Amino acid sequence: MGRHAVEDYVEYIEHVPAEIREKVHPDVDPLTGEKTSFRLNNHVLFAELYLLNERFGSPPTRVEMTRSGAFHVGVYEDRFEEYTVCVEIAGLEPNYHSPEERIRHSQCDIDTFYLQPKTER
């Protein structure tokens, strides 16, 4: 796995398109809609995707993230159910490592993910 300083991500968050940063709250749990305090917020995870996208010339596959990413693929999967779902929500086009990965991605209904915290009623 790659190594990057925290400063790389704080600075690199600005490389995540503003419309994505506005659309997806940094501290929302996409599976529950709860606002939480993640050690690595959503924008930091997206920044790593954009950093590797720039390095490779395309969004990183699961294998590339495992080999070169600063964060384990499991962090993305725990947060977004599937790694490729996070890639898509971040505004990038997923690169599938296998046909099975494409099938798992297609079984996720991205419209059910929370991008903003649920409002209290």
PDB file of N, CA and C in Angstrom:
ATOM      1  N   MET A   1       0.839  -1.177   0.000  1.00  0.00           N
ATOM      2  CA  MET A   1       0.000   0.000   0.000  1.00  0.00           C
ATOM      3  C   MET A   1       0.885   1.241   0.000  1.00  0.00           C
ATOM      4  N   GLY A   2       0.402   2.274  -0.652  1.00  0.00           N
ATOM      5  CA  GLY A   2       1.157   3.515  -0.751  1.00  0.00           C
ATOM      6  C   GLY A   2       1.195   4.259   0.566  1.00  0.00           C
ATOM      7  N   ARG A   3       2.069   5.233   0.602  1.00  0.00           N
ATOM      8  CA  ARG A   3       2.173   6.060   1.805  1.00  0.00           C
ATOM      9  C   ARG A   3       2.092   7.516   1.379  1.00  0.00           C
ATOM     10  N   HIS A   4       1.203   8.232   2.014  1.00  0.00           N
ATOM     11  CA  HIS A   4       1.062   9.652   1.755  1.00  0.00           C
ATOM     12  C   HIS A   4       0.859  10.337   3.098  1.00  0.00           C
ATOM     13  N   ALA A   5       1.317  11.569   3.209  1.00  0.00           N
ATOM     14  CA  ALA A   5       1.103  12.333   4.431  1.00  0.00           C
ATOM     15  C   ALA A   5      -0.330  12.841   4.472  1.00  0.00           C
ATOM     16  N   VAL A   6      -0.832  13.044   5.679  1.00  0.00           N
ATOM     17  CA  VAL A   6      -2.186  13.575   5.838  1.00  0.00           C
ATOM     18  C   VAL A   6      -2.322  14.879   5.067  1.00  0.00           C
ATOM     19  N   GLU A   7      -1.272  15.678   5.056  1.00  0.00           N
ATOM     20  CA  GLU A   7      -1.302  16.958   4.347  1.00  0.00           C
ATOM     21  C   GLU A   7      -1.607  16.769   2.866  1.00  0.00           C
ATOM     22  N   ASP A   8      -1.160  15.656   2.287  1.00  0.00           N
ATOM     23  CA  ASP A   8      -1.448  15.381   0.874  1.00  0.00           C
ATOM     24  C   ASP A   8      -2.947  15.348   0.630  1.00  0.00           C
ATOM     25  N   TYR A   9      -3.687  14.779   1.547  1.00  0.00           N
ATOM     26  CA  TYR A   9      -5.128  14.641   1.357  1.00  0.00           C
ATOM     27  C   TYR A   9      -5.858  15.927   1.640  1.00  0.00           C
ATOM     28  N   VAL A  10      -5.441  16.626   2.692  1.00  0.00           N
ATOM     29  CA  VAL A  10      -6.087  17.895   3.009  1.00  0.00           C
ATOM     30  C   VAL A  10      -5.932  18.830   1.821  1.00  0.00           C
ATOM     31  N   GLU A  11      -4.737  18.865   1.255  1.00  0.00           N
ATOM     32  CA  GLU A  11      -4.495  19.697   0.075  1.00  0.00           C
ATOM     33  C   GLU A  11      -5.225  19.129  -1.140  1.00  0.00           C
ATOM     34  N   TYR A  12      -5.258  17.834  -1.266  1.00  0.00           N
ATOM     35  CA  TYR A  12      -5.820  17.203  -2.465  1.00  0.00           C
ATOM     36  C   TYR A  12      -7.341  17.208  -2.490  1.00  0.00           C
ATOM     37  N   ILE A  13      -7.976  17.445  -1.350  1.00  0.00           N
ATOM     38  CA  ILE A  13      -9.440  17.526  -1.317  1.00  0.00           C
ATOM     39  C   ILE A  13      -9.925  18.571  -2.305  1.00  0.00           C
ATOM     40  N   GLU A  14      -9.145  19.625  -2.493  1.00  0.00           N
ATOM     41  CA  GLU A  14      -9.519  20.677  -3.445  1.00  0.00           C
ATOM     42  C   GLU A  14      -9.546  20.155  -4.883  1.00  0.00           C
ATOM     43  N   HIS A  15      -8.913  19.019  -5.149  1.00  0.00           N
ATOM     44  CA  HIS A  15      -8.926  18.426  -6.492  1.00  0.00           C
ATOM     45  C   HIS A  15     -10.191  17.605  -6.741  1.00  0.00           C
ATOM     46  N   VAL A  16     -10.908  17.292  -5.680  1.00  0.00           N
ATOM     47  CA  VAL A  16     -12.211  16.632  -5.834  1.00  0.00           C
ATOM     48  C   VAL A  16     -13.165  17.719  -6.314  1.00  0.00           C
ATOM     49  N   PRO A  17     -13.870  17.507  -7.409  1.00  0.00           N
ATOM     50  CA  PRO A  17     -14.740  18.559  -7.941  1.00  0.00           C
ATOM     51  C   PRO A  17     -15.688  19.124  -6.877  1.00  0.00           C
ATOM     52  N   ALA A  18     -15.866  20.437  -6.925  1.00  0.00           N
ATOM     53  CA  ALA A  18     -16.716  21.120  -5.947  1.00  0.00           C
ATOM     54  C   ALA A  18     -18.121  20.533  -5.922  1.00  0.00           C
ATOM     55  N   GLU A  19     -18.649  20.164  -7.095  1.00  0.00           N
ATOM     56  CA  GLU A  19     -20.018  19.621  -7.113  1.00  0.00           C
ATOM     57  C   GLU A  19     -20.110  18.297  -6.356  1.00  0.00           C
ATOM     58  N   ILE A  20     -19.034  17.517  -6.359  1.00  0.00           N
ATOM     59  CA  ILE A  20     -19.016  16.255  -5.596  1.00  0.00           C
ATOM     60  C   ILE A  20     -18.921  16.573  -4.109  1.00  0.00           C
ATOM     61  N   ARG A  21     -18.049  17.522  -3.746  1.00  0.00           N
ATOM     62  CA  ARG A  21     -17.909  17.893  -2.333  1.00  0.00           C
ATOM     63  C   ARG A  21     -19.203  18.476  -1.779  1.00  0.00           C
ATOM     64  N   GLU A  22     -19.941  19.190  -2.611  1.00  0.00           N
ATOM     65  CA  GLU A  22     -21.220  19.758  -2.168  1.00  0.00           C
ATOM     66  C   GLU A  22     -22.305  18.680  -2.097  1.00  0.00           C
ATOM     67  N   LYS A  23     -22.267  17.747  -3.027  1.00  0.00           N
ATOM     68  CA  LYS A  23     -23.288  16.692  -3.101  1.00  0.00           C
ATOM     69  C   LYS A  23     -23.150  15.683  -1.963  1.00  0.00           C
ATOM     70  N   VAL A  24     -21.911  15.342  -1.601  1.00  0.00           N
ATOM     71  CA  VAL A  24     -21.658  14.308  -0.593  1.00  0.00           C
ATOM     72  C   VAL A  24     -21.073  14.959   0.658  1.00  0.00           C
ATOM     73  N   HIS A  25     -21.800  14.872   1.753  1.00  0.00           N
ATOM     74  CA  HIS A  25     -21.331  15.423   3.030  1.00  0.00           C
ATOM     75  C   HIS A  25     -20.092  14.645   3.476  1.00  0.00           C
ATOM     76  N   PRO A  26     -19.071  15.337   3.990  1.00  0.00           N
ATOM     77  CA  PRO A  26     -17.851  14.618   4.369  1.00  0.00           C
ATOM     78  C   PRO A  26     -18.048  13.602   5.490  1.00  0.00           C
ATOM     79  N   ASP A  27     -19.017  13.846   6.370  1.00  0.00           N
ATOM     80  CA  ASP A  27     -19.177  12.993   7.547  1.00  0.00           C
ATOM     81  C   ASP A  27     -20.461  12.177   7.577  1.00  0.00           C
ATOM     82  N   VAL A  28     -21.110  11.995   6.433  1.00  0.00           N
ATOM     83  CA  VAL A  28     -22.319  11.174   6.418  1.00  0.00           C
ATOM     84  C   VAL A  28     -21.932   9.708   6.217  1.00  0.00           C
ATOM     85  N   ASP A  29     -22.582   8.840   6.970  1.00  0.00           N
ATOM     86  CA  ASP A  29     -22.427   7.406   6.724  1.00  0.00           C
ATOM     87  C   ASP A  29     -23.375   7.073   5.579  1.00  0.00           C
ATOM     88  N   PRO A  30     -22.845   6.700   4.405  1.00  0.00           N
ATOM     89  CA  PRO A  30     -23.704   6.483   3.243  1.00  0.00           C
ATOM     90  C   PRO A  30     -24.707   5.345   3.402  1.00  0.00           C
ATOM     91  N   LEU A  31     -24.464   4.448   4.338  1.00  0.00           N
ATOM     92  CA  LEU A  31     -25.366   3.314   4.525  1.00  0.00           C
ATOM     93  C   LEU A  31     -26.493   3.607   5.512  1.00  0.00           C
ATOM     94  N   THR A  32     -26.239   4.506   6.480  1.00  0.00           N
ATOM     95  CA  THR A  32     -27.249   4.776   7.510  1.00  0.00           C
ATOM     96  C   THR A  32     -27.806   6.190   7.468  1.00  0.00           C
ATOM     97  N   GLY A  33     -27.076   7.111   6.860  1.00  0.00           N
ATOM     98  CA  GLY A  33     -27.496   8.504   6.848  1.00  0.00           C
ATOM     99  C   GLY A  33     -27.128   9.252   8.116  1.00  0.00           C
ATOM    100  N   GLU A  34     -26.474   8.568   9.044  1.00  0.00           N
ATOM    101  CA  GLU A  34     -26.071   9.216  10.291  1.00  0.00           C
ATOM    102  C   GLU A  34     -24.854  10.097  10.048  1.00  0.00           C
ATOM    103  N   LYS A  35     -24.843  11.240  10.712  1.00  0.00           N
ATOM    104  CA  LYS A  35     -23.659  12.094  10.673  1.00  0.00           C
ATOM    105  C   LYS A  35     -22.722  11.582  11.753  1.00  0.00           C
ATOM    106  N   THR A  36     -21.496  11.326  11.377  1.00  0.00           N
ATOM    107  CA  THR A  36     -20.540  10.745  12.311  1.00  0.00           C
ATOM    108  C   THR A  36     -19.198  11.423  12.126  1.00  0.00           C
ATOM    109  N   SER A  37     -18.263  11.097  12.963  1.00  0.00           N
ATOM    110  CA  SER A  37     -16.932  11.687  12.874  1.00  0.00           C
ATOM    111  C   SER A  37     -15.952  10.591  12.472  1.00  0.00           C
ATOM    112  N   PHE A  38     -15.795  10.403  11.168  1.00  0.00           N
ATOM    113  CA  PHE A  38     -14.864   9.400  10.657  1.00  0.00           C
ATOM    114  C   PHE A  38     -13.436   9.912  10.789  1.00  0.00           C
ATOM    115  N   ARG A  39     -12.508   9.023  11.089  1.00  0.00           N
ATOM    116  CA  ARG A  39     -11.092   9.406  11.073  1.00  0.00           C
ATOM    117  C   ARG A  39     -10.712   9.827   9.661  1.00  0.00           C
ATOM    118  N   LEU A  40     -11.204   9.082   8.674  1.00  0.00           N
ATOM    119  CA  LEU A  40     -11.004   9.408   7.259  1.00  0.00           C
ATOM    120  C   LEU A  40     -12.375   9.749   6.696  1.00  0.00           C
ATOM    121  N   ASN A  41     -12.657  11.035   6.525  1.00  0.00           N
ATOM    122  CA  ASN A  41     -13.993  11.376   6.045  1.00  0.00           C
ATOM    123  C   ASN A  41     -14.134  11.062   4.557  1.00  0.00           C
ATOM    124  N   ASN A  42     -15.345  11.177   4.055  1.00  0.00           N
ATOM    125  CA  ASN A  42     -15.631  10.815   2.663  1.00  0.00           C
ATOM    126  C   ASN A  42     -14.785  11.608   1.674  1.00  0.00           C
ATOM    127  N   HIS A  43     -14.568  12.885   1.946  1.00  0.00           N
ATOM    128  CA  HIS A  43     -13.786  13.708   1.025  1.00  0.00           C
ATOM    129  C   HIS A  43     -12.326  13.264   0.979  1.00  0.00           C
ATOM    130  N   VAL A  44     -11.792  12.806   2.110  1.00  0.00           N
ATOM    131  CA  VAL A  44     -10.418  12.287   2.130  1.00  0.00           C
ATOM    132  C   VAL A  44     -10.336  11.006   1.296  1.00  0.00           C
ATOM    133  N   LEU A  45     -11.334  10.126   1.429  1.00  0.00           N
ATOM    134  CA  LEU A  45     -11.343   8.898   0.616  1.00  0.00           C
ATOM    135  C   LEU A  45     -11.432   9.239  -0.869  1.00  0.00           C
ATOM    136  N   PHE A  46     -12.261  10.217  -1.209  1.00  0.00           N
ATOM    137  CA  PHE A  46     -12.373  10.642  -2.606  1.00  0.00           C
ATOM    138  C   PHE A  46     -11.049  11.237  -3.089  1.00  0.00           C
ATOM    139  N   ALA A  47     -10.383  12.009  -2.218  1.00  0.00           N
ATOM    140  CA  ALA A  47      -9.108  12.628  -2.602  1.00  0.00           C
ATOM    141  C   ALA A  47      -8.083  11.567  -2.985  1.00  0.00           C
ATOM    142  N   GLU A  48      -8.056  10.459  -2.252  1.00  0.00           N
ATOM    143  CA  GLU A  48      -7.134   9.368  -2.601  1.00  0.00           C
ATOM    144  C   GLU A  48      -7.473   8.799  -3.973  1.00  0.00           C
ATOM    145  N   LEU A  49      -8.760   8.657  -4.270  1.00  0.00           N
ATOM    146  CA  LEU A  49      -9.162   8.172  -5.598  1.00  0.00           C
ATOM    147  C   LEU A  49      -8.682   9.121  -6.690  1.00  0.00           C
ATOM    148  N   TYR A  50      -8.842  10.421  -6.466  1.00  0.00           N
ATOM    149  CA  TYR A  50      -8.419  11.402  -7.465  1.00  0.00           C
ATOM    150  C   TYR A  50      -6.898  11.457  -7.589  1.00  0.00           C
ATOM    151  N   LEU A  51      -6.191  11.286  -6.483  1.00  0.00           N
ATOM    152  CA  LEU A  51      -4.728  11.255  -6.516  1.00  0.00           C
ATOM    153  C   LEU A  51      -4.243  10.090  -7.376  1.00  0.00           C
ATOM    154  N   LEU A  52      -4.823   8.906  -7.160  1.00  0.00           N
ATOM    155  CA  LEU A  52      -4.425   7.734  -7.946  1.00  0.00           C
ATOM    156  C   LEU A  52      -4.944   7.821  -9.378  1.00  0.00           C
ATOM    157  N   ASN A  53      -6.102   8.421  -9.576  1.00  0.00           N
ATOM    158  CA  ASN A  53      -6.625   8.642 -10.924  1.00  0.00           C
ATOM    159  C   ASN A  53      -5.629   9.477 -11.731  1.00  0.00           C
ATOM    160  N   GLU A  54      -5.088  10.489 -11.099  1.00  0.00           N
ATOM    161  CA  GLU A  54      -4.098  11.333 -11.772  1.00  0.00           C
ATOM    162  C   GLU A  54      -2.822  10.542 -12.071  1.00  0.00           C
ATOM    163  N   ARG A  55      -2.406   9.726 -11.120  1.00  0.00           N
ATOM    164  CA  ARG A  55      -1.175   8.953 -11.291  1.00  0.00           C
ATOM    165  C   ARG A  55      -1.312   7.902 -12.394  1.00  0.00           C
ATOM    166  N   PHE A  56      -2.437   7.175 -12.411  1.00  0.00           N
ATOM    167  CA  PHE A  56      -2.617   6.074 -13.360  1.00  0.00           C
ATOM    168  C   PHE A  56      -3.241   6.498 -14.682  1.00  0.00           C
ATOM    169  N   GLY A  57      -3.875   7.664 -14.710  1.00  0.00           N
ATOM    170  CA  GLY A  57      -4.559   8.105 -15.924  1.00  0.00           C
ATOM    171  C   GLY A  57      -5.979   7.583 -16.027  1.00  0.00           C
ATOM    172  N   SER A  58      -6.424   6.850 -15.010  1.00  0.00           N
ATOM    173  CA  SER A  58      -7.800   6.350 -14.931  1.00  0.00           C
ATOM    174  C   SER A  58      -8.056   5.990 -13.470  1.00  0.00           C
ATOM    175  N   PRO A  59      -9.330   5.886 -13.081  1.00  0.00           N
ATOM    176  CA  PRO A  59      -9.622   5.530 -11.692  1.00  0.00           C
ATOM    177  C   PRO A  59      -8.993   4.183 -11.328  1.00  0.00           C
ATOM    178  N   PRO A  60      -8.461   4.075 -10.120  1.00  0.00           N
ATOM    179  CA  PRO A  60      -7.799   2.829  -9.728  1.00  0.00           C
ATOM    180  C   PRO A  60      -8.779   1.669  -9.564  1.00  0.00           C
ATOM    181  N   THR A  61      -8.345   0.499 -10.006  1.00  0.00           N
ATOM    182  CA  THR A  61      -9.102  -0.726  -9.749  1.00  0.00           C
ATOM    183  C   THR A  61      -8.878  -1.127  -8.295  1.00  0.00           C
ATOM    184  N   ARG A  62      -9.603  -2.134  -7.844  1.00  0.00           N
ATOM    185  CA  ARG A  62      -9.392  -2.659  -6.485  1.00  0.00           C
ATOM    186  C   ARG A  62      -7.935  -3.098  -6.305  1.00  0.00           C
ATOM    187  N   VAL A  63      -7.391  -3.761  -7.311  1.00  0.00           N
ATOM    188  CA  VAL A  63      -6.015  -4.256  -7.223  1.00  0.00           C
ATOM    189  C   VAL A  63      -5.037  -3.088  -7.136  1.00  0.00           C
ATOM    190  N   GLU A  64      -5.230  -2.068  -7.970  1.00  0.00           N
ATOM    191  CA  GLU A  64      -4.345  -0.894  -7.928  1.00  0.00           C
ATOM    192  C   GLU A  64      -4.457  -0.176  -6.588  1.00  0.00           C
ATOM    193  N   MET A  65      -5.673  -0.093  -6.047  1.00  0.00           N
ATOM    194  CA  MET A  65      -5.848   0.540  -4.741  1.00  0.00           C
ATOM    195  C   MET A  65      -5.136  -0.270  -3.670  1.00  0.00           C
ATOM    196  N   THR A  66      -5.234  -1.588  -3.745  1.00  0.00           N
ATOM    197  CA  THR A  66      -4.562  -2.445  -2.771  1.00  0.00           C
ATOM    198  C   THR A  66      -3.052  -2.276  -2.853  1.00  0.00           C
ATOM    199  N   ARG A  67      -2.528  -2.192  -4.051  1.00  0.00           N
ATOM    200  CA  ARG A  67      -1.077  -2.090  -4.236  1.00  0.00           C
ATOM    201  C   ARG A  67      -0.532  -0.692  -3.979  1.00  0.00           C
ATOM    202  N   SER A  68      -1.273   0.335  -4.372  1.00  0.00           N
ATOM    203  CA  SER A  68      -0.727   1.692  -4.360  1.00  0.00           C
ATOM    204  C   SER A  68      -1.458   2.666  -3.456  1.00  0.00           C
ATOM    205  N   GLY A  69      -2.644   2.326  -3.021  1.00  0.00           N
ATOM    206  CA  GLY A  69      -3.432   3.255  -2.216  1.00  0.00           C
ATOM    207  C   GLY A  69      -2.943   3.345  -0.785  1.00  0.00           C
ATOM    208  N   ALA A  70      -3.166   4.481  -0.191  1.00  0.00           N
ATOM    209  CA  ALA A  70      -2.793   4.675   1.208  1.00  0.00           C
ATOM    210  C   ALA A  70      -3.782   3.996   2.142  1.00  0.00           C
ATOM    211  N   PHE A  71      -5.012   3.790   1.658  1.00  0.00           N
ATOM    212  CA  PHE A  71      -6.058   3.187   2.483  1.00  0.00           C
ATOM    213  C   PHE A  71      -6.449   1.846   1.884  1.00  0.00           C
ATOM    214  N   HIS A  72      -6.719   0.902   2.735  1.00  0.00           N
ATOM    215  CA  HIS A  72      -7.098  -0.434   2.286  1.00  0.00           C
ATOM    216  C   HIS A  72      -8.471  -0.389   1.624  1.00  0.00           C
ATOM    217  N   VAL A  73      -8.659  -1.220   0.622  1.00  0.00           N
ATOM    218  CA  VAL A  73      -9.941  -1.320  -0.084  1.00  0.00           C
ATOM    219  C   VAL A  73     -11.079  -1.574   0.908  1.00  0.00           C
ATOM    220  N   GLY A  74     -10.799  -2.296   1.976  1.00  0.00           N
ATOM    221  CA  GLY A  74     -11.813  -2.583   2.984  1.00  0.00           C
ATOM    222  C   GLY A  74     -12.415  -1.333   3.611  1.00  0.00           C
ATOM    223  N   VAL A  75     -11.640  -0.258   3.714  1.00  0.00           N
ATOM    224  CA  VAL A  75     -12.174   1.001   4.248  1.00  0.00           C
ATOM    225  C   VAL A  75     -13.292   1.501   3.342  1.00  0.00           C
ATOM    226  N   TYR A  76     -13.066   1.438   2.034  1.00  0.00           N
ATOM    227  CA  TYR A  76     -14.073   1.878   1.063  1.00  0.00           C
ATOM    228  C   TYR A  76     -15.292   0.954   1.089  1.00  0.00           C
ATOM    229  N   GLU A  77     -15.041  -0.343   1.190  1.00  0.00           N
ATOM    230  CA  GLU A  77     -16.143  -1.314   1.195  1.00  0.00           C
ATOM    231  C   GLU A  77     -16.968  -1.226   2.475  1.00  0.00           C
ATOM    232  N   ASP A  78     -16.317  -0.993   3.601  1.00  0.00           N
ATOM    233  CA  ASP A  78     -17.064  -0.829   4.851  1.00  0.00           C
ATOM    234  C   ASP A  78     -17.961   0.400   4.786  1.00  0.00           C
ATOM    235  N   ARG A  79     -17.473   1.434   4.153  1.00  0.00           N
ATOM    236  CA  ARG A  79     -18.227   2.687   4.093  1.00  0.00           C
ATOM    237  C   ARG A  79     -19.296   2.673   3.013  1.00  0.00           C
ATOM    238  N   PHE A  80     -18.973   2.105   1.832  1.00  0.00           N
ATOM    239  CA  PHE A  80     -19.852   2.219   0.664  1.00  0.00           C
ATOM    240  C   PHE A  80     -20.365   0.875   0.144  1.00  0.00           C
ATOM    241  N   GLU A  81     -20.176  -0.174   0.890  1.00  0.00           N
ATOM    242  CA  GLU A  81     -20.634  -1.525   0.535  1.00  0.00           C
ATOM    243  C   GLU A  81     -19.757  -2.163  -0.534  1.00  0.00           C
ATOM    244  N   GLU A  82     -19.479  -1.458  -1.604  1.00  0.00           N
ATOM    245  CA  GLU A  82     -18.593  -1.932  -2.674  1.00  0.00           C
ATOM    246  C   GLU A  82     -17.610  -0.820  -3.021  1.00  0.00           C
ATOM    247  N   TYR A  83     -16.375  -1.184  -3.262  1.00  0.00           N
ATOM    248  CA  TYR A  83     -15.353  -0.205  -3.631  1.00  0.00           C
ATOM    249  C   TYR A  83     -15.778   0.601  -4.854  1.00  0.00           C
ATOM    250  N   THR A  84     -16.311  -0.074  -5.866  1.00  0.00           N
ATOM    251  CA  THR A  84     -16.678   0.613  -7.107  1.00  0.00           C
ATOM    252  C   THR A  84     -17.833   1.588  -6.915  1.00  0.00           C
ATOM    253  N   VAL A  85     -18.664   1.363  -5.907  1.00  0.00           N
ATOM    254  CA  VAL A  85     -19.738   2.313  -5.598  1.00  0.00           C
ATOM    255  C   VAL A  85     -19.126   3.632  -5.136  1.00  0.00           C
ATOM    256  N   CYS A  86     -18.109   3.557  -4.293  1.00  0.00           N
ATOM    257  CA  CYS A  86     -17.430   4.770  -3.840  1.00  0.00           C
ATOM    258  C   CYS A  86     -16.817   5.507  -5.025  1.00  0.00           C
ATOM    259  N   VAL A  87     -16.187   4.770  -5.926  1.00  0.00           N
ATOM    260  CA  VAL A  87     -15.588   5.383  -7.117  1.00  0.00           C
ATOM    261  C   VAL A  87     -16.660   6.136  -7.900  1.00  0.00           C
ATOM    262  N   GLU A  88     -17.810   5.511  -8.090  1.00  0.00           N
ATOM    263  CA  GLU A  88     -18.888   6.155  -8.850  1.00  0.00           C
ATOM    264  C   GLU A  88     -19.447   7.368  -8.113  1.00  0.00           C
ATOM    265  N   ILE A  89     -19.687   7.243  -6.818  1.00  0.00           N
ATOM    266  CA  ILE A  89     -20.212   8.367  -6.043  1.00  0.00           C
ATOM    267  C   ILE A  89     -19.215   9.523  -6.041  1.00  0.00           C
ATOM    268  N   ALA A  90     -17.926   9.201  -6.105  1.00  0.00           N
ATOM    269  CA  ALA A  90     -16.893  10.243  -6.159  1.00  0.00           C
ATOM    270  C   ALA A  90     -16.853  10.951  -7.512  1.00  0.00           C
ATOM    271  N   GLY A  91     -17.658  10.486  -8.458  1.00  0.00           N
ATOM    272  CA  GLY A  91     -17.722  11.148  -9.757  1.00  0.00           C
ATOM    273  C   GLY A  91     -16.781  10.581 -10.795  1.00  0.00           C
ATOM    274  N   LEU A  92     -16.235   9.400 -10.525  1.00  0.00           N
ATOM    275  CA  LEU A  92     -15.328   8.742 -11.466  1.00  0.00           C
ATOM    276  C   LEU A  92     -16.009   7.507 -12.052  1.00  0.00           C
ATOM    277  N   GLU A  93     -15.495   7.034 -13.155  1.00  0.00           N
ATOM    278  CA  GLU A  93     -16.034   5.836 -13.817  1.00  0.00           C
ATOM    279  C   GLU A  93     -15.289   4.612 -13.287  1.00  0.00           C
ATOM    280  N   PRO A  94     -15.986   3.680 -12.631  1.00  0.00           N
ATOM    281  CA  PRO A  94     -15.301   2.505 -12.079  1.00  0.00           C
ATOM    282  C   PRO A  94     -14.624   1.658 -13.157  1.00  0.00           C
ATOM    283  N   ASN A  95     -13.442   1.165 -12.820  1.00  0.00           N
ATOM    284  CA  ASN A  95     -12.745   0.164 -13.630  1.00  0.00           C
ATOM    285  C   ASN A  95     -12.895  -1.153 -12.887  1.00  0.00           C
ATOM    286  N   TYR A  96     -13.527  -2.113 -13.517  1.00  0.00           N
ATOM    287  CA  TYR A  96     -13.811  -3.379 -12.847  1.00  0.00           C
ATOM    288  C   TYR A  96     -12.655  -4.344 -13.031  1.00  0.00           C
ATOM    289  N   HIS A  97     -12.275  -4.972 -11.935  1.00  0.00           N
ATOM    290  CA  HIS A  97     -11.182  -5.941 -11.949  1.00  0.00           C
ATOM    291  C   HIS A  97     -11.643  -7.293 -12.488  1.00  0.00           C
ATOM    292  N   SER A  98     -12.942  -7.575 -12.367  1.00  0.00           N
ATOM    293  CA  SER A  98     -13.454  -8.878 -12.794  1.00  0.00           C
ATOM    294  C   SER A  98     -14.933  -8.750 -13.149  1.00  0.00           C
ATOM    295  N   PRO A  99     -15.461  -9.727 -13.893  1.00  0.00           N
ATOM    296  CA  PRO A  99     -16.905  -9.726 -14.173  1.00  0.00           C
ATOM    297  C   PRO A  99     -17.737  -9.805 -12.885  1.00  0.00           C
ATOM    298  N   GLU A 100     -17.234 -10.523 -11.899  1.00  0.00           N
ATOM    299  CA  GLU A 100     -17.953 -10.642 -10.627  1.00  0.00           C
ATOM    300  C   GLU A 100     -18.065  -9.287  -9.932  1.00  0.00           C
ATOM    301  N   GLU A 101     -17.010  -8.507 -10.025  1.00  0.00           N
ATOM    302  CA  GLU A 101     -17.041  -7.179  -9.416  1.00  0.00           C
ATOM    303  C   GLU A 101     -18.086  -6.297 -10.103  1.00  0.00           C
ATOM    304  N   ARG A 102     -18.182  -6.398 -11.408  1.00  0.00           N
ATOM    305  CA  ARG A 102     -19.190  -5.638 -12.164  1.00  0.00           C
ATOM    306  C   ARG A 102     -20.601  -6.063 -11.728  1.00  0.00           C
ATOM    307  N   ILE A 103     -20.805  -7.358 -11.527  1.00  0.00           N
ATOM    308  CA  ILE A 103     -22.113  -7.867 -11.090  1.00  0.00           C
ATOM    309  C   ILE A 103     -22.444  -7.339  -9.693  1.00  0.00           C
ATOM    310  N   ARG A 104     -21.479  -7.410  -8.763  1.00  0.00           N
ATOM    311  CA  ARG A 104     -21.718  -6.910  -7.401  1.00  0.00           C
ATOM    312  C   ARG A 104     -22.076  -5.428  -7.430  1.00  0.00           C
ATOM    313  N   HIS A 105     -21.380  -4.684  -8.276  1.00  0.00           N
ATOM    314  CA  HIS A 105     -21.664  -3.249  -8.394  1.00  0.00           C
ATOM    315  C   HIS A 105     -23.079  -3.030  -8.920  1.00  0.00           C
ATOM    316  N   SER A 106     -23.464  -3.791  -9.917  1.00  0.00           N
ATOM    317  CA  SER A 106     -24.791  -3.610 -10.519  1.00  0.00           C
ATOM    318  C   SER A 106     -25.914  -3.971  -9.543  1.00  0.00           C
ATOM    319  N   GLN A 107     -25.603  -4.764  -8.532  1.00  0.00           N
ATOM    320  CA  GLN A 107     -26.611  -5.147  -7.545  1.00  0.00           C
ATOM    321  C   GLN A 107     -26.809  -4.088  -6.461  1.00  0.00           C
ATOM    322  N   CYS A 108     -25.946  -3.086  -6.440  1.00  0.00           N
ATOM    323  CA  CYS A 108     -26.081  -1.989  -5.478  1.00  0.00           C
ATOM    324  C   CYS A 108     -26.939  -0.893  -6.097  1.00  0.00           C
ATOM    325  N   ASP A 109     -27.929  -0.443  -5.370  1.00  0.00           N
ATOM    326  CA  ASP A 109     -28.774   0.652  -5.834  1.00  0.00           C
ATOM    327  C   ASP A 109     -28.205   1.950  -5.271  1.00  0.00           C
ATOM    328  N   ILE A 110     -27.441   2.638  -6.084  1.00  0.00           N
ATOM    329  CA  ILE A 110     -26.751   3.839  -5.627  1.00  0.00           C
ATOM    330  C   ILE A 110     -27.732   4.896  -5.131  1.00  0.00           C
ATOM    331  N   ASP A 111     -28.935   4.897  -5.656  1.00  0.00           N
ATOM    332  CA  ASP A 111     -29.935   5.877  -5.224  1.00  0.00           C
ATOM    333  C   ASP A 111     -30.359   5.689  -3.767  1.00  0.00           C
ATOM    334  N   THR A 112     -30.042   4.542  -3.171  1.00  0.00           N
ATOM    335  CA  THR A 112     -30.415   4.313  -1.773  1.00  0.00           C
ATOM    336  C   THR A 112     -29.337   4.780  -0.798  1.00  0.00           C
ATOM    337  N   PHE A 113     -28.182   5.194  -1.305  1.00  0.00           N
ATOM    338  CA  PHE A 113     -27.100   5.651  -0.434  1.00  0.00           C
ATOM    339  C   PHE A 113     -27.373   7.079   0.017  1.00  0.00           C
ATOM    340  N   TYR A 114     -27.073   7.344   1.269  1.00  0.00           N
ATOM    341  CA  TYR A 114     -27.232   8.693   1.807  1.00  0.00           C
ATOM    342  C   TYR A 114     -26.008   9.519   1.429  1.00  0.00           C
ATOM    343  N   LEU A 115     -26.245  10.671   0.834  1.00  0.00           N
ATOM    344  CA  LEU A 115     -25.159  11.572   0.484  1.00  0.00           C
ATOM    345  C   LEU A 115     -25.112  12.763   1.434  1.00  0.00           C
ATOM    346  N   GLN A 116     -26.212  12.953   2.145  1.00  0.00           N
ATOM    347  CA  GLN A 116     -26.328  13.996   3.168  1.00  0.00           C
ATOM    348  C   GLN A 116     -26.919  13.344   4.418  1.00  0.00           C
ATOM    349  N   PRO A 117     -26.637  13.904   5.599  1.00  0.00           N
ATOM    350  CA  PRO A 117     -27.213  13.325   6.818  1.00  0.00           C
ATOM    351  C   PRO A 117     -28.736  13.373   6.796  1.00  0.00           C
ATOM    352  N   LYS A 118     -29.338  12.345   7.399  1.00  0.00           N
ATOM    353  CA  LYS A 118     -30.797  12.335   7.550  1.00  0.00           C
ATOM    354  C   LYS A 118     -31.183  13.508   8.441  1.00  0.00           C
ATOM    355  N   THR A 119     -32.321  14.098   8.154  1.00  0.00           N
ATOM    356  CA  THR A 119     -32.792  15.200   8.991  1.00  0.00           C
ATOM    357  C   THR A 119     -33.594  14.646  10.151  1.00  0.00           C
ATOM    358  N   GLU A 120     -33.467  15.309  11.282  1.00  0.00           N
ATOM    359  CA  GLU A 120     -34.234  14.915  12.470  1.00  0.00           C
ATOM    360  C   GLU A 120     -35.674  15.372  12.286  1.00  0.00           C
ATOM    361  N   ARG A 121     -36.612  14.544  12.678  1.00  0.00           N
ATOM    362  CA  ARG A 121     -38.031  14.922  12.565  1.00  0.00           C
ATOM    363  C   ARG A 121     -38.604  15.166  13.921  1.00  0.00           C
TER     364      ARG A 121
END
